Amino acid sequence: GARVLPFRSSFLALAETDPPPLIQPVTIVYDRMDSLPVCRRNRPRIAWYGDMDIASHYAELGRHDWRATIVLDDPIELDGGRKALTATLERQIAARAAAIRQGRYPGPFTKA
């Protein structure tokens, strides 16, 4: 899609267990379609949303070659409760996704 949707803190309830697990932030951006950069008008082809039929959506995806950039950031510990962690993760992943979409992410094997 064109943006990262709001995160739900209830998904991080597990982070409040004892001992709290490390949380692994992951950013996934489909950034190439048929070897060309994915532009704003092509992003709806990737996203599955609303009442879209899943079969026709997958058929559309299969008509193109896609490349995804996947970034695993440093794991983080719960600090300040799951709502604070949710806000931190949402900001971090949204910023990383925007950088990838805008061509500002330096790529693999570099510290971004």
N, C-alpha and C. Protein backbone atom coordinates (compact mmCIF):
# COMPACT_ATOMS: atom_id res chain seq x y z
N GLY A 1 0.81 -1.19 0.00
CA GLY A 1 0.00 0.00 0.00
C GLY A 1 0.86 1.26 0.00
N ALA A 2 0.19 2.37 0.07
CA ALA A 2 0.87 3.66 0.03
C ALA A 2 1.34 4.12 1.40
N ARG A 3 0.86 3.47 2.45
CA ARG A 3 1.25 3.89 3.79
C ARG A 3 1.12 2.73 4.76
N VAL A 4 1.71 2.88 5.92
CA VAL A 4 1.61 1.89 6.98
C VAL A 4 0.37 2.21 7.80
N LEU A 5 -0.51 1.25 7.96
CA LEU A 5 -1.73 1.45 8.73
C LEU A 5 -1.40 1.47 10.22
N PRO A 6 -2.26 2.07 11.03
CA PRO A 6 -2.01 2.12 12.48
C PRO A 6 -1.85 0.72 13.07
N PHE A 7 -0.92 0.59 13.98
CA PHE A 7 -0.70 -0.67 14.68
C PHE A 7 -1.70 -0.79 15.83
N ARG A 8 -2.00 -1.99 16.22
CA ARG A 8 -2.90 -2.25 17.34
C ARG A 8 -2.08 -2.80 18.51
N SER A 9 -2.16 -2.13 19.62
CA SER A 9 -1.34 -2.54 20.76
C SER A 9 -1.74 -3.91 21.31
N SER A 10 -2.97 -4.34 21.06
CA SER A 10 -3.39 -5.66 21.56
C SER A 10 -2.56 -6.78 20.96
N PHE A 11 -1.99 -6.57 19.78
CA PHE A 11 -1.13 -7.59 19.16
C PHE A 11 0.17 -7.77 19.93
N LEU A 12 0.51 -6.82 20.77
CA LEU A 12 1.75 -6.90 21.54
C LEU A 12 1.51 -7.31 22.99
N ALA A 13 0.36 -7.87 23.29
CA ALA A 13 0.06 -8.31 24.65
C ALA A 13 1.09 -9.33 25.14
N LEU A 14 1.58 -10.17 24.24
CA LEU A 14 2.59 -11.16 24.58
C LEU A 14 3.85 -10.50 25.13
N ALA A 15 4.12 -9.29 24.70
CA ALA A 15 5.32 -8.59 25.15
C ALA A 15 5.27 -8.26 26.63
N GLU A 16 4.09 -8.35 27.23
CA GLU A 16 3.96 -8.04 28.65
C GLU A 16 4.12 -9.27 29.55
N THR A 17 4.53 -10.39 28.97
CA THR A 17 4.76 -11.59 29.77
C THR A 17 6.09 -11.46 30.50
N ASP A 18 6.33 -12.37 31.44
CA ASP A 18 7.56 -12.33 32.21
C ASP A 18 8.34 -13.60 31.94
N PRO A 19 9.53 -13.55 31.44
CA PRO A 19 10.25 -12.37 30.99
C PRO A 19 9.73 -11.92 29.62
N PRO A 20 9.80 -10.62 29.37
CA PRO A 20 9.31 -10.13 28.08
C PRO A 20 10.22 -10.58 26.93
N PRO A 21 9.63 -10.98 25.82
CA PRO A 21 10.46 -11.38 24.68
C PRO A 21 11.02 -10.16 23.96
N LEU A 22 12.07 -10.39 23.19
CA LEU A 22 12.56 -9.33 22.30
C LEU A 22 11.58 -9.22 21.14
N ILE A 23 11.32 -8.01 20.70
CA ILE A 23 10.43 -7.76 19.58
C ILE A 23 11.29 -7.48 18.35
N GLN A 24 11.03 -8.19 17.26
CA GLN A 24 11.81 -8.03 16.04
C GLN A 24 11.03 -7.19 15.04
N PRO A 25 11.38 -5.89 14.88
CA PRO A 25 10.71 -5.07 13.87
C PRO A 25 11.09 -5.51 12.46
N VAL A 26 10.10 -5.67 11.61
CA VAL A 26 10.32 -6.09 10.22
C VAL A 26 9.55 -5.15 9.32
N THR A 27 10.23 -4.62 8.32
CA THR A 27 9.60 -3.75 7.31
C THR A 27 9.64 -4.48 5.98
N ILE A 28 8.48 -4.58 5.32
CA ILE A 28 8.40 -5.22 4.01
C ILE A 28 7.79 -4.22 3.04
N VAL A 29 8.50 -3.94 1.97
CA VAL A 29 8.01 -3.02 0.94
C VAL A 29 8.20 -3.67 -0.42
N TYR A 30 7.11 -3.83 -1.15
CA TYR A 30 7.20 -4.29 -2.53
C TYR A 30 7.59 -3.07 -3.36
N ASP A 31 8.83 -3.07 -3.83
CA ASP A 31 9.36 -1.85 -4.44
C ASP A 31 9.68 -1.98 -5.93
N ARG A 32 9.52 -3.16 -6.52
CA ARG A 32 9.77 -3.33 -7.96
C ARG A 32 8.66 -4.18 -8.57
N MET A 33 8.16 -3.74 -9.71
CA MET A 33 7.18 -4.50 -10.48
C MET A 33 7.74 -4.60 -11.90
N ASP A 34 7.97 -5.83 -12.34
CA ASP A 34 8.53 -6.04 -13.67
C ASP A 34 9.82 -5.24 -13.87
N SER A 35 10.68 -5.24 -12.88
CA SER A 35 12.00 -4.59 -12.87
C SER A 35 11.95 -3.06 -12.84
N LEU A 36 10.77 -2.48 -12.69
CA LEU A 36 10.64 -1.03 -12.61
C LEU A 36 10.19 -0.65 -11.20
N PRO A 37 10.56 0.56 -10.74
CA PRO A 37 10.10 0.99 -9.42
C PRO A 37 8.56 1.00 -9.35
N VAL A 38 8.05 0.56 -8.21
CA VAL A 38 6.60 0.61 -7.99
C VAL A 38 6.22 2.06 -7.73
N CYS A 39 5.32 2.58 -8.54
CA CYS A 39 4.87 3.96 -8.34
C CYS A 39 3.53 3.93 -7.59
N ARG A 40 3.09 5.09 -7.21
CA ARG A 40 1.88 5.23 -6.41
C ARG A 40 0.67 4.56 -7.07
N ARG A 41 0.55 4.67 -8.38
CA ARG A 41 -0.64 4.10 -9.04
C ARG A 41 -0.61 2.58 -9.07
N ASN A 42 0.58 1.96 -8.89
CA ASN A 42 0.68 0.50 -8.89
C ASN A 42 0.56 -0.12 -7.51
N ARG A 43 0.66 0.67 -6.47
CA ARG A 43 0.62 0.11 -5.12
C ARG A 43 -0.69 -0.61 -4.80
N PRO A 44 -1.85 -0.15 -5.29
CA PRO A 44 -3.07 -0.92 -5.01
C PRO A 44 -3.05 -2.33 -5.60
N ARG A 45 -2.22 -2.59 -6.59
CA ARG A 45 -2.12 -3.94 -7.14
C ARG A 45 -1.50 -4.91 -6.14
N ILE A 46 -0.71 -4.39 -5.23
CA ILE A 46 -0.01 -5.22 -4.25
C ILE A 46 -0.89 -5.45 -3.02
N ALA A 47 -1.51 -4.38 -2.53
CA ALA A 47 -2.26 -4.45 -1.28
C ALA A 47 -3.58 -5.20 -1.45
N TRP A 48 -3.91 -5.99 -0.44
CA TRP A 48 -5.21 -6.66 -0.39
C TRP A 48 -5.99 -5.97 0.72
N TYR A 49 -7.10 -5.36 0.38
CA TYR A 49 -7.83 -4.55 1.35
C TYR A 49 -9.32 -4.59 1.07
N GLY A 50 -10.09 -4.14 2.05
CA GLY A 50 -11.54 -4.04 1.89
C GLY A 50 -12.16 -5.38 1.57
N ASP A 51 -13.10 -5.37 0.66
CA ASP A 51 -13.81 -6.60 0.30
C ASP A 51 -13.31 -7.18 -1.02
N MET A 52 -12.03 -7.02 -1.28
CA MET A 52 -11.44 -7.57 -2.50
C MET A 52 -11.55 -9.10 -2.50
N ASP A 53 -11.78 -9.66 -3.68
CA ASP A 53 -11.80 -11.10 -3.85
C ASP A 53 -10.36 -11.59 -3.87
N ILE A 54 -10.03 -12.53 -2.98
CA ILE A 54 -8.64 -12.98 -2.85
C ILE A 54 -8.15 -13.69 -4.11
N ALA A 55 -9.01 -14.46 -4.77
CA ALA A 55 -8.59 -15.20 -5.96
C ALA A 55 -8.19 -14.25 -7.09
N SER A 56 -9.01 -13.24 -7.35
CA SER A 56 -8.66 -12.30 -8.43
C SER A 56 -7.45 -11.45 -8.04
N HIS A 57 -7.30 -11.18 -6.75
CA HIS A 57 -6.13 -10.43 -6.29
C HIS A 57 -4.85 -11.23 -6.56
N TYR A 58 -4.84 -12.51 -6.20
CA TYR A 58 -3.67 -13.34 -6.46
C TYR A 58 -3.41 -13.50 -7.96
N ALA A 59 -4.48 -13.59 -8.73
CA ALA A 59 -4.31 -13.68 -10.19
C ALA A 59 -3.61 -12.43 -10.72
N GLU A 60 -4.00 -11.27 -10.24
CA GLU A 60 -3.36 -10.01 -10.65
C GLU A 60 -1.89 -9.98 -10.22
N LEU A 61 -1.61 -10.43 -9.01
CA LEU A 61 -0.23 -10.47 -8.55
C LEU A 61 0.62 -11.38 -9.44
N GLY A 62 0.03 -12.49 -9.88
CA GLY A 62 0.76 -13.45 -10.69
C GLY A 62 1.08 -12.96 -12.10
N ARG A 63 0.48 -11.88 -12.53
CA ARG A 63 0.74 -11.35 -13.87
C ARG A 63 2.03 -10.53 -13.96
N HIS A 64 2.66 -10.31 -12.81
CA HIS A 64 3.85 -9.45 -12.78
C HIS A 64 4.94 -10.12 -11.95
N ASP A 65 6.17 -9.67 -12.17
CA ASP A 65 7.30 -10.05 -11.32
C ASP A 65 7.46 -8.97 -10.27
N TRP A 66 7.49 -9.37 -9.01
CA TRP A 66 7.59 -8.42 -7.91
C TRP A 66 8.89 -8.64 -7.16
N ARG A 67 9.42 -7.55 -6.61
CA ARG A 67 10.56 -7.63 -5.71
C ARG A 67 10.17 -6.92 -4.43
N ALA A 68 10.52 -7.54 -3.32
CA ALA A 68 10.27 -6.93 -2.02
C ALA A 68 11.59 -6.66 -1.32
N THR A 69 11.67 -5.52 -0.66
CA THR A 69 12.78 -5.24 0.23
C THR A 69 12.29 -5.53 1.64
N ILE A 70 13.03 -6.39 2.34
CA ILE A 70 12.66 -6.78 3.70
C ILE A 70 13.80 -6.36 4.61
N VAL A 71 13.47 -5.57 5.62
CA VAL A 71 14.48 -5.06 6.55
C VAL A 71 14.15 -5.54 7.95
N LEU A 72 15.09 -6.20 8.58
CA LEU A 72 14.97 -6.58 9.98
C LEU A 72 15.80 -5.60 10.78
N ASP A 73 15.13 -4.77 11.55
CA ASP A 73 15.85 -3.82 12.39
C ASP A 73 16.28 -4.51 13.68
N ASP A 74 17.06 -3.80 14.47
CA ASP A 74 17.53 -4.36 15.73
C ASP A 74 16.34 -4.70 16.63
N PRO A 75 16.38 -5.88 17.28
CA PRO A 75 15.31 -6.23 18.23
C PRO A 75 15.24 -5.20 19.36
N ILE A 76 14.04 -5.00 19.87
CA ILE A 76 13.87 -4.06 20.98
C ILE A 76 13.11 -4.75 22.10
N GLU A 77 13.35 -4.26 23.30
CA GLU A 77 12.69 -4.79 24.49
C GLU A 77 11.52 -3.89 24.86
N LEU A 78 10.57 -4.48 25.55
CA LEU A 78 9.44 -3.71 26.04
C LEU A 78 9.94 -2.72 27.08
N ASP A 79 9.63 -1.45 26.86
CA ASP A 79 10.05 -0.41 27.79
C ASP A 79 8.96 0.65 27.82
N GLY A 80 8.18 0.67 28.88
CA GLY A 80 7.14 1.67 28.99
C GLY A 80 5.75 1.16 28.62
N GLY A 81 5.58 -0.14 28.48
CA GLY A 81 4.26 -0.69 28.18
C GLY A 81 4.04 -0.91 26.69
N ARG A 82 3.03 -1.72 26.40
CA ARG A 82 2.81 -2.10 25.01
C ARG A 82 2.29 -0.96 24.15
N LYS A 83 1.58 0.00 24.73
CA LYS A 83 1.11 1.14 23.92
C LYS A 83 2.29 2.00 23.46
N ALA A 84 3.25 2.21 24.35
CA ALA A 84 4.45 2.96 23.98
C ALA A 84 5.26 2.18 22.95
N LEU A 85 5.37 0.86 23.14
CA LEU A 85 6.09 0.03 22.19
C LEU A 85 5.40 0.05 20.84
N THR A 86 4.08 -0.01 20.82
CA THR A 86 3.33 0.05 19.58
C THR A 86 3.60 1.34 18.83
N ALA A 87 3.59 2.47 19.54
CA ALA A 87 3.86 3.77 18.91
C ALA A 87 5.28 3.82 18.36
N THR A 88 6.24 3.28 19.09
CA THR A 88 7.63 3.26 18.64
C THR A 88 7.78 2.41 17.38
N LEU A 89 7.20 1.22 17.39
CA LEU A 89 7.28 0.33 16.23
C LEU A 89 6.61 0.95 15.01
N GLU A 90 5.45 1.54 15.21
CA GLU A 90 4.72 2.15 14.10
C GLU A 90 5.54 3.27 13.45
N ARG A 91 6.13 4.14 14.28
CA ARG A 91 6.97 5.23 13.75
C ARG A 91 8.19 4.68 13.01
N GLN A 92 8.86 3.71 13.62
CA GLN A 92 10.08 3.15 13.05
C GLN A 92 9.80 2.47 11.71
N ILE A 93 8.77 1.64 11.65
CA ILE A 93 8.47 0.90 10.43
C ILE A 93 7.92 1.83 9.35
N ALA A 94 7.09 2.78 9.73
CA ALA A 94 6.56 3.73 8.74
C ALA A 94 7.70 4.57 8.14
N ALA A 95 8.64 4.99 8.96
CA ALA A 95 9.77 5.78 8.46
C ALA A 95 10.65 4.94 7.53
N ARG A 96 10.91 3.69 7.91
CA ARG A 96 11.73 2.81 7.08
C ARG A 96 11.02 2.54 5.76
N ALA A 97 9.72 2.25 5.79
CA ALA A 97 8.97 1.97 4.56
C ALA A 97 8.97 3.18 3.63
N ALA A 98 8.80 4.37 4.20
CA ALA A 98 8.82 5.59 3.39
C ALA A 98 10.19 5.78 2.74
N ALA A 99 11.26 5.52 3.50
CA ALA A 99 12.61 5.66 2.95
C ALA A 99 12.84 4.68 1.80
N ILE A 100 12.35 3.46 1.94
CA ILE A 100 12.51 2.47 0.86
C ILE A 100 11.73 2.91 -0.36
N ARG A 101 10.48 3.33 -0.17
CA ARG A 101 9.64 3.74 -1.31
C ARG A 101 10.23 4.95 -2.03
N GLN A 102 10.93 5.82 -1.29
CA GLN A 102 11.49 7.04 -1.88
C GLN A 102 12.93 6.85 -2.37
N GLY A 103 13.42 5.61 -2.30
CA GLY A 103 14.77 5.34 -2.76
C GLY A 103 15.86 5.86 -1.84
N ARG A 104 15.54 6.11 -0.58
CA ARG A 104 16.52 6.65 0.38
C ARG A 104 17.10 5.59 1.30
N TYR A 105 16.67 4.33 1.13
CA TYR A 105 17.23 3.25 1.96
C TYR A 105 18.51 2.76 1.30
N PRO A 106 19.63 2.71 2.03
CA PRO A 106 20.92 2.39 1.41
C PRO A 106 21.05 0.94 0.94
N GLY A 107 20.18 0.06 1.38
CA GLY A 107 20.23 -1.31 0.90
C GLY A 107 20.81 -2.27 1.92
N PRO A 108 20.94 -3.54 1.50
CA PRO A 108 21.40 -4.56 2.44
C PRO A 108 22.86 -4.38 2.83
N PHE A 109 23.17 -4.94 3.96
CA PHE A 109 24.53 -4.98 4.47
C PHE A 109 25.09 -3.61 4.82
N THR A 110 24.21 -2.65 5.02
CA THR A 110 24.64 -1.33 5.48
C THR A 110 23.78 -0.97 6.67
N LYS A 111 24.31 -0.19 7.54
CA LYS A 111 23.56 0.28 8.70
C LYS A 111 22.77 1.50 8.26
N ALA A 112 21.43 1.40 8.28
CA ALA A 112 20.58 2.52 7.83
C ALA A 112 20.35 3.51 8.94
